């Protein structure tokens, strides 16, 4: 039947910035889906404890004043991590578009608040891994259609695969769209659909590293000899 027909958990964060080591969570969503349709949902509004920059608020619509009405960040971060690891422990795959950003940011928030890491929460079930199986349609699409021109934003890739995204940058909408894009990639490319969850995870580790290596070389050829692109997926180092 293929992994894309099983329970998939969509995950998305909206944040204060674009650096996963420094940005804070503002909103988050975890959406349980079956065959692309939502069957459960949890959403959070967090008070990040810092101002929300105007450029970030312009993207997701959450101002500093609105975020201040949210729950304490430490509580939200704990609940998000507990929810994701519970799904992993139950055997589900977590789907996130550009997962390296969202999961690295979550990992940084856990460290910031002195909370157990994802790997520590999974314990023996992690078998030495820092997360459970992750599906990243951004990484998959870039690997299977490497030379397609145009942007690779979630909105653009939704257009490529015929996925409707009515409320971009709303965490719940983006999480659900990520699942639907992942399923569309699997339906278009049979070798993706036929992969087991952990073999697909391993493929994405390799694909991301290959992309990072090539992108780093390109940046250096453009006159930035010090450019470094972290090749690790789904969590950046440090």
Protein backbone atom coordinates (compact mmCIF):
# COMPACT_ATOMS: atom_id res chain seq x y z
CA UNK A 1 0.00 0.00 0.00
CA UNK A 2 2.91 2.38 0.66
CA UNK A 3 3.79 4.70 3.52
CA UNK A 4 1.85 7.56 1.95
CA UNK A 5 -1.41 5.68 2.56
CA UNK A 6 -0.69 5.29 6.27
CA UNK A 7 -1.07 7.67 9.21
CA UNK A 8 1.07 10.75 8.57
CA UNK A 9 1.69 13.56 11.06
CA UNK A 10 2.01 17.03 9.58
CA UNK A 11 4.17 19.49 11.54
CA UNK A 12 4.86 23.19 11.07
CA UNK A 13 6.21 26.14 13.05
CA UNK A 14 5.80 29.86 12.52
CA UNK A 15 8.59 31.78 14.19
CA UNK A 16 10.31 35.06 14.98
CA UNK A 17 13.01 34.63 12.33
CA UNK A 18 14.86 32.50 9.80
CA UNK A 19 17.84 31.30 11.86
CA UNK A 20 16.81 28.06 13.58
CA UNK A 21 19.50 28.50 16.24
CA UNK A 22 18.16 31.89 17.34
CA UNK A 23 14.50 32.15 16.29
CA UNK A 24 11.66 31.42 18.70
CA UNK A 25 8.39 29.58 18.18
CA UNK A 26 5.30 31.76 17.81
CA UNK A 27 2.72 29.26 16.54
CA UNK A 28 2.85 25.53 15.90
CA UNK A 29 0.61 22.79 14.57
CA UNK A 30 0.65 19.01 14.58
CA UNK A 31 -2.00 17.55 12.26
CA UNK A 32 -2.83 13.84 12.16
CA UNK A 33 -3.87 12.71 8.68
CA UNK A 34 -5.02 9.60 6.87
CA UNK A 35 -4.90 9.52 3.05
CA UNK A 36 -4.31 13.26 3.13
CA UNK A 37 -7.33 14.16 5.26
CA UNK A 38 -7.06 15.56 8.80
CA UNK A 39 -8.31 13.31 11.58
CA UNK A 40 -6.81 15.18 14.54
CA UNK A 41 -5.09 18.46 15.23
CA UNK A 42 -3.20 20.31 17.96
CA UNK A 43 -2.24 23.94 17.66
CA UNK A 44 -0.29 26.30 19.90
CA UNK A 45 0.25 30.03 20.33
CA UNK A 46 3.42 30.76 22.30
CA UNK A 47 4.68 33.89 23.98
CA UNK A 48 8.26 33.76 22.66
CA UNK A 49 9.56 36.12 25.33
CA UNK A 50 11.09 38.41 22.70
CA UNK A 51 9.57 40.90 20.25
CA UNK A 52 8.25 39.49 16.98
CA UNK A 53 10.07 41.38 14.20
CA UNK A 54 7.82 43.27 11.81
CA UNK A 55 9.10 41.24 8.86
CA UNK A 56 8.15 37.98 10.60
CA UNK A 57 4.72 39.30 11.59
CA UNK A 58 4.16 40.34 7.98
CA UNK A 59 4.61 36.70 6.96
CA UNK A 60 2.50 34.86 9.52
CA UNK A 61 0.33 37.65 10.90
CA UNK A 62 1.25 37.26 14.59
CA UNK A 63 2.43 40.53 16.15
CA UNK A 64 4.32 40.92 19.41
CA UNK A 65 1.06 41.97 21.08
CA UNK A 66 -0.81 38.92 19.80
CA UNK A 67 2.01 36.55 20.73
CA UNK A 68 2.03 37.96 24.28
CA UNK A 69 -1.42 36.39 24.72
CA UNK A 70 0.07 32.96 24.11
CA UNK A 71 1.15 30.39 26.65
CA UNK A 72 4.67 30.41 28.13
CA UNK A 73 7.18 29.22 25.56
CA UNK A 74 8.61 26.52 27.80
CA UNK A 75 5.21 24.85 28.18
CA UNK A 76 4.54 25.00 24.45
CA UNK A 77 7.97 23.63 23.51
CA UNK A 78 7.52 20.75 25.97
CA UNK A 79 4.10 19.85 24.57
CA UNK A 80 5.22 19.99 20.94
CA UNK A 81 8.19 17.70 21.63
CA UNK A 82 6.07 15.31 23.67
CA UNK A 83 3.44 15.16 20.93
CA UNK A 84 5.93 14.46 18.14
CA UNK A 85 7.86 11.81 20.06
CA UNK A 86 4.62 10.10 21.05
CA UNK A 87 3.73 9.77 17.38
CA UNK A 88 7.21 8.49 16.52
CA UNK A 89 7.07 5.99 19.36
CA UNK A 90 3.74 4.74 18.00
CA UNK A 91 5.36 4.15 14.59
CA UNK A 92 4.06 7.17 12.67
CA UNK A 93 6.07 9.34 10.27
CA UNK A 94 6.28 13.09 10.83
CA UNK A 95 6.01 15.23 7.70
CA UNK A 96 7.45 18.75 7.63
CA UNK A 97 8.27 20.97 4.68
CA UNK A 98 11.94 21.93 5.00
CA UNK A 99 12.06 19.75 8.10
CA UNK A 100 15.64 20.74 8.83
CA UNK A 101 14.47 24.23 9.78
CA UNK A 102 11.51 23.25 11.97
CA UNK A 103 13.18 20.36 13.76
CA UNK A 104 16.46 22.20 14.28
CA UNK A 105 14.57 25.16 15.70
CA UNK A 106 12.58 22.88 18.01
CA UNK A 107 15.83 21.25 19.15
CA UNK A 108 17.31 24.68 19.88
CA UNK A 109 14.22 25.65 21.88
CA UNK A 110 14.50 22.45 23.93
CA UNK A 111 18.10 23.30 24.77
CA UNK A 112 17.19 26.92 25.54
CA UNK A 113 14.61 25.84 28.10
CA UNK A 114 16.67 23.02 29.60
CA UNK A 115 14.28 20.32 28.36
CA UNK A 116 15.14 16.78 27.18
CA UNK A 117 16.09 16.46 23.51
CA UNK A 118 14.00 14.56 20.99
CA UNK A 119 16.49 11.69 21.04
CA UNK A 120 16.46 11.54 24.84
CA UNK A 121 12.67 11.36 24.81
CA UNK A 122 12.69 8.50 22.32
CA UNK A 123 15.28 6.60 24.37
CA UNK A 124 15.90 3.05 23.24
CA UNK A 125 13.23 3.42 20.55
CA UNK A 126 15.51 5.90 18.75
CA UNK A 127 18.24 3.27 18.23
CA UNK A 128 20.87 6.01 18.30
CA UNK A 129 18.87 8.38 16.09
CA UNK A 130 17.84 11.89 17.11
CA UNK A 131 14.33 11.64 15.64
CA UNK A 132 11.88 9.11 14.38
CA UNK A 133 11.30 8.75 10.62
CA UNK A 134 10.81 12.12 8.96
CA UNK A 135 9.33 12.91 5.55
CA UNK A 136 10.42 16.21 4.00
CA UNK A 137 8.69 16.95 0.68
CA UNK A 138 11.10 19.84 0.11
CA UNK A 139 14.11 17.51 0.17
CA UNK A 140 12.30 14.80 -1.80
CA UNK A 141 11.08 17.14 -4.52
CA UNK A 142 14.52 18.67 -4.93
CA UNK A 143 15.99 15.18 -5.36
CA UNK A 144 13.45 13.72 -7.80
CA UNK A 145 13.09 16.85 -9.98
CA UNK A 146 16.50 18.41 -9.56
CA UNK A 147 16.56 20.60 -12.66
CA UNK A 148 13.05 22.05 -12.52
CA UNK A 149 13.22 25.83 -12.72
CA UNK A 150 11.43 28.15 -10.36
CA UNK A 151 11.02 28.53 -6.63
CA UNK A 152 10.79 25.66 -4.15
CA UNK A 153 8.65 27.43 -1.57
CA UNK A 154 5.74 25.46 -0.16
CA UNK A 155 3.33 27.56 -2.20
CA UNK A 156 5.28 26.97 -5.43
CA UNK A 157 5.62 23.24 -4.86
CA UNK A 158 1.93 22.96 -3.99
CA UNK A 159 1.26 24.46 -7.41
CA UNK A 160 3.56 21.93 -9.08
CA UNK A 161 1.73 18.99 -7.51
CA UNK A 162 -1.80 20.36 -7.61
CA UNK A 163 -2.18 20.80 -3.85
CA UNK A 164 -4.49 23.57 -2.66
CA UNK A 165 -3.00 25.87 -0.01
CA UNK A 166 -5.57 28.48 0.99
CA UNK A 167 -3.87 30.01 4.03
CA UNK A 168 -0.09 29.98 3.54
CA UNK A 169 2.02 30.60 6.65
CA UNK A 170 -0.75 29.51 8.99
CA UNK A 171 0.83 26.57 10.82
CA UNK A 172 -2.10 24.18 10.53
CA UNK A 173 -2.61 24.90 6.83
CA UNK A 174 1.10 24.51 6.07
CA UNK A 175 1.34 21.25 8.05
CA UNK A 176 -1.58 19.74 6.13
CA UNK A 177 -0.23 20.99 2.80
CA UNK A 178 3.15 19.39 3.57
CA UNK A 179 1.45 16.02 4.01
CA UNK A 180 -0.48 16.39 0.78
CA UNK A 181 2.64 17.37 -1.17
CA UNK A 182 4.52 14.39 0.29
CA UNK A 183 1.72 12.09 -0.83
CA UNK A 184 1.69 13.69 -4.29
CA UNK A 185 5.45 13.15 -4.66
CA UNK A 186 5.00 9.49 -3.72
CA UNK A 187 2.15 9.06 -6.20
CA UNK A 188 4.19 10.64 -9.02
CA UNK A 189 7.39 8.69 -8.29
CA UNK A 190 6.76 4.99 -7.52
CA UNK A 191 10.23 4.41 -6.06
CA UNK A 192 9.40 6.98 -3.37
CA UNK A 193 6.10 5.30 -2.57
CA UNK A 194 7.72 1.87 -2.37
CA UNK A 195 10.43 2.87 0.11
CA UNK A 196 10.07 1.84 3.74
CA UNK A 197 9.87 4.69 6.28
CA UNK A 198 13.44 4.28 7.49
CA UNK A 199 14.92 3.69 4.04
CA UNK A 200 13.20 6.87 2.83
CA UNK A 201 14.58 8.68 5.87
CA UNK A 202 18.09 7.45 4.99
CA UNK A 203 17.59 8.52 1.36
CA UNK A 204 16.72 12.03 2.48
CA UNK A 205 19.80 12.19 4.69
CA UNK A 206 21.88 11.40 1.60
CA UNK A 207 19.96 13.68 -0.76
CA UNK A 208 20.22 16.62 1.59
CA UNK A 209 23.96 16.12 2.06
CA UNK A 210 24.47 15.97 -1.70
CA UNK A 211 22.48 19.15 -2.21
CA UNK A 212 24.38 20.95 0.58
CA UNK A 213 27.74 19.95 -0.88
CA UNK A 214 26.78 21.16 -4.35
CA UNK A 215 25.26 24.38 -3.05
CA UNK A 216 28.36 25.13 -0.99
CA UNK A 217 30.55 24.66 -4.06
CA UNK A 218 28.28 26.95 -6.06
CA UNK A 219 28.43 29.68 -3.40
CA UNK A 220 32.22 29.49 -3.37
CA UNK A 221 32.35 29.79 -7.15
CA UNK A 222 30.21 32.93 -6.83
CA UNK A 223 32.95 34.64 -4.86
CA UNK A 224 32.22 33.51 -1.31
CA UNK A 225 35.19 31.25 -0.51
CA UNK A 226 34.23 30.98 3.18
CA UNK A 227 30.70 29.70 2.50
CA UNK A 228 29.67 26.67 4.54
CA UNK A 229 26.37 24.81 4.13
CA UNK A 230 25.52 22.37 6.91
CA UNK A 231 24.94 18.96 5.26
CA UNK A 232 23.09 17.40 8.20
CA UNK A 233 19.40 16.47 7.99
CA UNK A 234 16.89 16.48 9.67
CA UNK A 235 18.77 18.26 12.48
CA UNK A 236 21.58 20.72 11.94
CA UNK A 237 24.70 20.40 14.06
CA UNK A 238 24.91 22.78 17.00
